[in-house]
Protein backbone atom coordinates (compact mmCIF):
# COMPACT_ATOMS: atom_id res chain seq x y z
CA MET A 1 -24.88 95.35 171.09
CA LYS A 2 -22.17 97.60 169.67
CA LYS A 3 -23.00 100.22 172.30
CA LEU A 4 -22.82 97.62 175.08
CA ILE A 5 -19.42 96.42 173.84
CA ASN A 6 -18.12 100.01 173.96
CA GLU A 7 -19.47 100.43 177.50
CA PHE A 8 -17.76 97.17 178.47
CA LYS A 9 -14.48 98.43 176.98
CA ASN A 10 -14.71 101.59 179.13
CA TYR A 11 -15.34 99.41 182.18
CA LEU A 12 -12.24 97.31 181.44
CA LYS A 13 -10.14 100.43 180.97
CA ASN A 14 -11.37 102.63 183.81
CA GLU A 15 -12.35 100.13 186.49
CA LYS A 16 -10.32 97.00 185.75
CA ASN A 17 -7.29 98.94 184.54
CA TYR A 18 -6.62 96.47 181.72
CA SER A 19 -3.95 97.21 179.12
CA TYR A 20 -4.72 98.50 175.63
CA HIS A 21 -3.83 95.17 174.00
CA THR A 22 -5.96 93.16 176.43
CA ILE A 23 -8.96 95.42 175.81
CA LEU A 24 -8.41 95.15 172.05
CA SER A 25 -8.44 91.35 172.36
CA TYR A 26 -11.75 91.47 174.26
CA GLU A 27 -13.21 93.82 171.66
CA ASN A 28 -12.21 91.60 168.74
CA ASP A 29 -13.69 88.52 170.43
CA LEU A 30 -16.98 90.27 171.17
CA PHE A 31 -17.41 91.70 167.69
CA GLN A 32 -16.76 88.24 166.25
CA PHE A 33 -19.49 86.90 168.56
CA ARG A 34 -21.76 89.79 167.52
CA ASN A 35 -21.28 88.95 163.83
CA PHE A 36 -22.28 85.36 164.57
CA LEU A 37 -25.43 86.48 166.37
CA ILE A 38 -26.45 88.94 163.70
CA GLY A 39 -26.40 86.57 160.72
CA ASN A 40 -29.36 87.75 158.68
CA ASN A 41 -31.00 89.40 161.68
CA LYS A 42 -29.91 93.04 161.89
CA ASN A 43 -31.80 93.72 165.11
CA ILE A 44 -30.46 91.09 167.50
CA ASP A 45 -31.61 91.60 171.10
CA ILE A 46 -28.81 90.74 173.51
CA GLY A 47 -31.42 90.01 176.17
CA LYS A 48 -32.78 87.14 174.08
CA VAL A 49 -29.45 85.37 173.64
CA ASN A 50 -29.60 81.95 175.31
CA HIS A 51 -27.28 79.06 176.11
CA ILE A 52 -28.21 77.34 172.81
CA ASN A 53 -26.88 80.35 170.84
CA LEU A 54 -23.67 80.18 172.82
CA ARG A 55 -23.21 76.46 172.27
CA LYS A 56 -23.77 76.87 168.52
CA TYR A 57 -21.14 79.61 168.47
CA ILE A 58 -18.60 77.40 170.26
CA VAL A 59 -19.32 74.55 167.82
CA GLN A 60 -18.74 76.95 164.93
CA LEU A 61 -15.39 78.01 166.39
CA LYS A 62 -14.30 74.39 166.65
CA ASP A 63 -15.53 73.67 163.11
CA LYS A 64 -13.35 76.56 161.92
CA SER A 65 -10.37 74.81 163.54
CA TYR A 66 -9.65 77.43 166.19
CA SER A 67 -7.14 76.14 168.71
CA GLN A 68 -8.34 75.03 172.13
CA LYS A 69 -6.51 77.98 173.64
CA SER A 70 -8.32 80.46 171.35
CA VAL A 71 -11.72 78.87 172.06
CA ALA A 72 -11.03 79.02 175.80
CA ARG A 73 -10.12 82.71 175.56
CA LYS A 74 -13.25 83.56 173.56
CA ILE A 75 -15.46 81.71 176.06
CA SER A 76 -13.78 83.59 178.90
CA THR A 77 -14.47 86.90 177.10
CA ILE A 78 -18.15 86.05 176.60
CA ARG A 79 -18.50 85.02 180.24
CA SER A 80 -16.96 88.29 181.43
CA PHE A 81 -19.18 90.31 179.08
CA PHE A 82 -22.44 88.71 180.22
CA LYS A 83 -21.38 88.92 183.86
CA TYR A 84 -20.87 92.67 183.35
CA LEU A 85 -24.27 93.02 181.61
CA MET A 86 -26.00 91.13 184.42
CA LYS A 87 -24.29 93.14 187.13
CA ASN A 88 -25.35 96.42 185.50
CA GLY A 89 -28.95 95.39 184.87
CA LYS A 90 -28.64 95.20 181.08
CA ILE A 91 -30.05 91.64 180.96
CA GLN A 92 -32.45 89.67 183.16
CA SER A 93 -30.58 86.36 183.13
CA ASN A 94 -27.02 85.24 182.30
CA PRO A 95 -26.92 82.65 179.46
CA ALA A 96 -23.15 82.21 179.90
CA LEU A 97 -23.38 81.28 183.57
CA ASN A 98 -22.81 77.56 183.00
CA LEU A 99 -20.35 77.86 180.11
CA ILE A 100 -17.31 75.76 180.90
CA ILE A 101 -13.87 76.92 179.83
CA PRO A 102 -11.95 73.89 178.51
CA LYS A 103 -8.75 73.01 180.31
CA ILE A 104 -5.66 73.68 178.28
CA ASP A 105 -2.60 71.49 178.60
CA LYS A 106 0.21 73.82 179.54
CA LYS A 107 3.31 73.30 177.45
CA LEU A 108 6.55 73.42 179.33
CA PRO A 109 8.35 76.61 178.30
CA TYR A 110 11.74 76.45 176.64
CA PHE A 111 14.70 77.66 178.67
CA LEU A 112 18.47 77.86 178.33
CA TYR A 113 21.01 76.12 180.55
CA ILE A 114 23.51 78.30 182.42
CA GLN A 115 26.34 77.57 179.98
CA GLU A 116 24.02 78.44 177.07
CA ILE A 117 22.88 81.77 178.51
CA ASN A 118 26.51 82.68 179.30
CA LYS A 119 27.51 81.80 175.74
CA LEU A 120 24.66 83.92 174.37
CA ILE A 121 25.49 87.02 176.43
CA ASP A 122 29.25 86.70 175.84
CA SER A 123 28.70 86.56 172.07
CA THR A 124 27.76 90.25 171.99
CA GLU A 125 30.32 92.41 170.20
CA THR A 126 31.10 94.88 172.97
CA GLY A 127 33.73 96.57 170.83
CA LYS A 128 30.85 98.06 168.84
CA THR A 129 28.20 100.50 170.05
CA SER A 130 25.42 98.19 168.84
CA GLY A 131 27.03 95.28 170.69
CA ILE A 132 27.10 97.23 173.95
CA ARG A 133 23.41 98.01 173.56
CA ASP A 134 22.62 94.40 172.65
CA ARG A 135 24.45 93.13 175.73
CA VAL A 136 22.40 95.29 178.08
CA ILE A 137 19.21 93.94 176.45
CA LEU A 138 20.27 90.32 177.05
CA GLU A 139 21.58 91.03 180.56
CA MET A 140 18.36 92.80 181.58
CA LEU A 141 15.94 90.27 180.07
CA TYR A 142 17.76 87.40 181.75
CA GLY A 143 18.83 89.27 184.90
CA THR A 144 15.41 90.69 185.80
CA GLY A 145 12.91 88.41 184.03
CA MET A 146 10.99 91.35 182.64
CA ARG A 147 8.82 91.01 179.54
CA VAL A 148 9.90 92.50 176.20
CA SER A 149 6.84 94.79 176.37
CA GLU A 150 8.23 96.07 179.67
CA ILE A 151 11.82 96.63 178.63
CA ILE A 152 10.93 98.59 175.49
CA TYR A 153 8.90 101.05 177.58
CA LEU A 154 11.62 101.55 180.18
CA ASP A 155 12.64 105.18 180.54
CA ILE A 156 15.93 106.51 181.89
CA SER A 157 14.07 107.67 185.00
CA ASP A 158 13.00 104.07 185.74
CA ILE A 159 16.58 102.99 186.44
CA ASP A 160 18.12 103.55 189.87
CA LEU A 161 21.74 102.44 189.81
CA ALA A 162 22.40 103.66 193.36
CA ASP A 163 19.90 101.16 194.76
CA GLN A 164 20.47 98.69 191.88
CA VAL A 165 16.79 98.44 190.94
CA VAL A 166 14.56 99.16 187.94
CA ARG A 167 10.92 100.21 188.04
CA VAL A 168 8.74 98.24 185.64
CA LEU A 169 5.18 98.90 184.56
CA GLY A 170 3.66 95.49 183.89
CA LYS A 171 0.32 94.09 182.79
CA GLY A 172 -2.68 96.04 184.03
CA SER A 173 -0.33 99.02 184.60
CA LYS A 174 0.91 97.37 187.80
CA GLU A 175 4.27 98.62 188.96
CA ARG A 176 6.97 96.40 190.42
CA ILE A 177 10.55 97.02 191.50
CA LEU A 178 13.16 94.55 190.25
CA PRO A 179 16.70 94.11 191.59
CA VAL A 180 19.62 94.42 189.20
CA SER A 181 22.61 92.07 189.30
CA LYS A 182 26.23 93.30 189.19
CA PRO A 183 26.78 92.14 185.56
CA CYS A 184 23.50 93.81 184.60
CA LYS A 185 24.48 97.04 186.38
CA LYS A 186 27.81 97.10 184.55
CA ALA A 187 26.05 96.55 181.21
CA ILE A 188 23.68 99.44 182.00
CA ILE A 189 26.57 101.78 182.87
CA ASP A 190 28.44 100.84 179.68
CA TYR A 191 25.32 101.39 177.60
CA LEU A 192 24.44 104.75 179.20
CA ARG A 193 27.89 106.00 178.28
CA ILE A 194 27.50 105.20 174.58
CA ARG A 195 23.83 106.18 174.61
CA GLU A 196 24.86 109.74 175.35
CA GLY A 197 28.03 109.65 173.30
CA TYR A 198 26.66 107.98 170.18
CA TYR A 199 22.93 107.53 169.86
CA LEU A 200 21.93 111.00 171.01
CA ARG A 201 24.89 112.91 169.58
CA LYS A 202 24.35 111.25 166.21
CA ASN A 203 20.66 112.12 166.30
CA LYS A 204 20.41 115.67 167.62
CA HIS A 205 16.63 115.67 167.28
CA ALA A 206 16.51 112.85 169.86
CA LYS A 207 18.21 114.82 172.65
CA LYS A 208 15.00 114.86 174.69
CA GLU A 209 14.22 111.18 174.12
CA LYS A 210 13.44 109.66 177.53
CA ALA A 211 13.47 106.03 176.37
CA PHE A 212 16.23 103.85 177.82
CA LEU A 213 16.78 101.68 174.74
CA LEU A 214 17.29 103.54 171.48
CA ASN A 215 17.50 102.48 167.85
CA ARG A 216 20.06 103.90 165.41
CA PHE A 217 17.75 106.80 164.62
CA GLY A 218 17.56 107.88 168.25
CA GLY A 219 14.00 106.64 168.81
CA ARG A 220 12.57 104.03 171.16
CA LEU A 221 13.55 100.47 170.28
CA THR A 222 10.68 98.18 169.23
CA ALA A 223 9.79 94.64 170.29
CA ARG A 224 10.41 93.46 166.72
CA SER A 225 13.95 94.85 166.84
CA ILE A 226 14.64 93.02 170.09
CA CYS A 227 13.44 89.75 168.50
CA ARG A 228 15.87 90.30 165.61
CA ILE A 229 18.73 91.06 168.00
CA ILE A 230 18.17 87.87 170.02
CA ASN A 231 17.84 85.72 166.90
CA LYS A 232 21.09 87.22 165.60
CA TYR A 233 23.04 86.04 168.66
CA MET A 234 21.29 82.68 168.75
CA ASN A 235 22.53 82.11 165.20
CA LEU A 236 26.01 83.34 166.08
CA THR A 237 26.29 80.91 168.99
CA SER A 238 24.65 78.05 167.05
CA LEU A 239 22.28 77.27 169.92
CA ASP A 240 19.84 74.87 168.28
CA LYS A 241 16.71 75.79 170.23
CA LYS A 242 13.42 77.49 169.55
CA ILE A 243 14.06 80.96 170.88
CA SER A 244 12.14 84.13 171.49
CA PRO A 245 12.72 87.01 173.88
CA HIS A 246 10.31 85.30 176.29
CA VAL A 247 12.73 82.36 176.59
CA LEU A 248 15.07 84.60 178.59
CA ARG A 249 12.20 85.25 181.03
CA HIS A 250 11.57 81.51 181.28
CA THR A 251 15.29 80.96 181.86
CA PHE A 252 15.34 83.60 184.61
CA ALA A 253 12.48 81.88 186.48
CA THR A 254 13.87 78.38 186.01
CA HIS A 255 17.34 79.28 187.26
CA LEU A 256 15.94 81.06 190.31
CA LEU A 257 13.90 78.02 191.33
CA GLU A 258 16.82 75.67 190.67
CA GLY A 259 18.92 77.95 192.88
CA GLY A 260 16.49 77.58 195.77
CA ALA A 261 14.21 80.61 195.40
CA ASP A 262 10.69 80.18 196.77
CA LEU A 263 7.73 80.20 194.40
CA ARG A 264 6.09 83.30 195.90
CA SER A 265 9.22 85.40 195.39
CA VAL A 266 9.50 84.29 191.78
CA GLN A 267 5.83 85.12 191.29
CA GLU A 268 6.45 88.66 192.57
CA LEU A 269 9.50 89.14 190.37
CA LEU A 270 7.67 87.93 187.25
CA GLY A 271 4.56 89.98 188.05
CA HIS A 272 2.22 87.01 187.75
CA GLU A 273 -1.32 87.61 188.97
CA SER A 274 -1.78 83.97 189.99
CA LEU A 275 0.65 81.58 191.62
CA SER A 276 -0.60 78.81 189.31
CA THR A 277 0.98 80.67 186.37
CA THR A 278 4.36 80.53 188.09
CA GLN A 279 4.00 76.89 189.11
CA ILE A 280 4.64 75.66 185.57
CA TYR A 281 8.34 76.34 186.20
CA THR A 282 8.39 73.79 189.02
CA HIS A 283 7.65 71.09 186.41
CA ILE A 284 10.78 72.10 184.53
CA THR A 285 12.98 71.87 187.61
CA LYS A 286 11.44 68.51 188.56
CA ASP A 287 12.12 67.16 185.06
CA ARG A 288 15.68 68.42 185.27
CA LEU A 289 16.21 66.75 188.65
CA ARG A 290 14.70 63.52 187.36
CA SER A 291 17.05 63.60 184.36
CA VAL A 292 20.09 64.23 186.58
CA TYR A 293 18.99 61.43 188.91
CA LYS A 294 18.64 58.90 186.07
CA LYS A 295 22.07 59.78 184.70
CA SER A 296 23.83 59.87 188.05
CA HIS A 297 22.30 57.30 190.39
CA PRO A 298 23.82 53.79 190.03
CA ARG A 299 20.47 52.03 190.63
CA SER A 300 18.19 54.41 188.72
């Protein structure tokens, strides 16, 4: 089975073009399933696995208090694996064919109101080099809706200030072009000036660093650092909300829809594979409208 898992990994990488982290998640799920199948039997035959084995595995996951979301993901992995094996003639029948993935209640994502996002961005200390860098991070995350994993891998060459766009490599290595707002463009220009004048001059060994966002040592900024930066300004502004870098992406989508943007356009900007993923933001805007209606209408 180990060999089959490795073949499946190559398929995900070379044919499906999945990201490293997605493939790693599949691998971990499958090796966990393999360990369950092995038990005391060192010579498990994947062709003899049946729907009863699969149901017992799912029961075990639930007994171990895995969340519904984790169980759903592991079932999805197993289904994809057996579908691949069946398609390539590795097994005669697919025991996972009738496995049902449980529906997961989607939680409404947190977002910031316009006055809150303005307060957050304006709290950056632009008199300091670190503050100028921090401002461009906040402006770009909110102004483009890109993921943290996308902004940390931005290179200087990905930014086109003449056309006011940035090129982003998203999930599955899919490229998309995102427009840049005027405040975001100004923040980029301010940052590029101090990037050359401070970060690279201070760290001569980093002269050839192509990364857009740099840490104080002249290397590429990490996702963990961006989390710390955002938490710092959330504390400074005393915004009492659960916050993560992804909240700025949620805020971007919510504000676009509230401003009249169509769902398909927002889907393209966010890089969502399915429109259903984007539709969760319509619930937020509906709740907001309902709240405004109840507060404002005399007969509500």
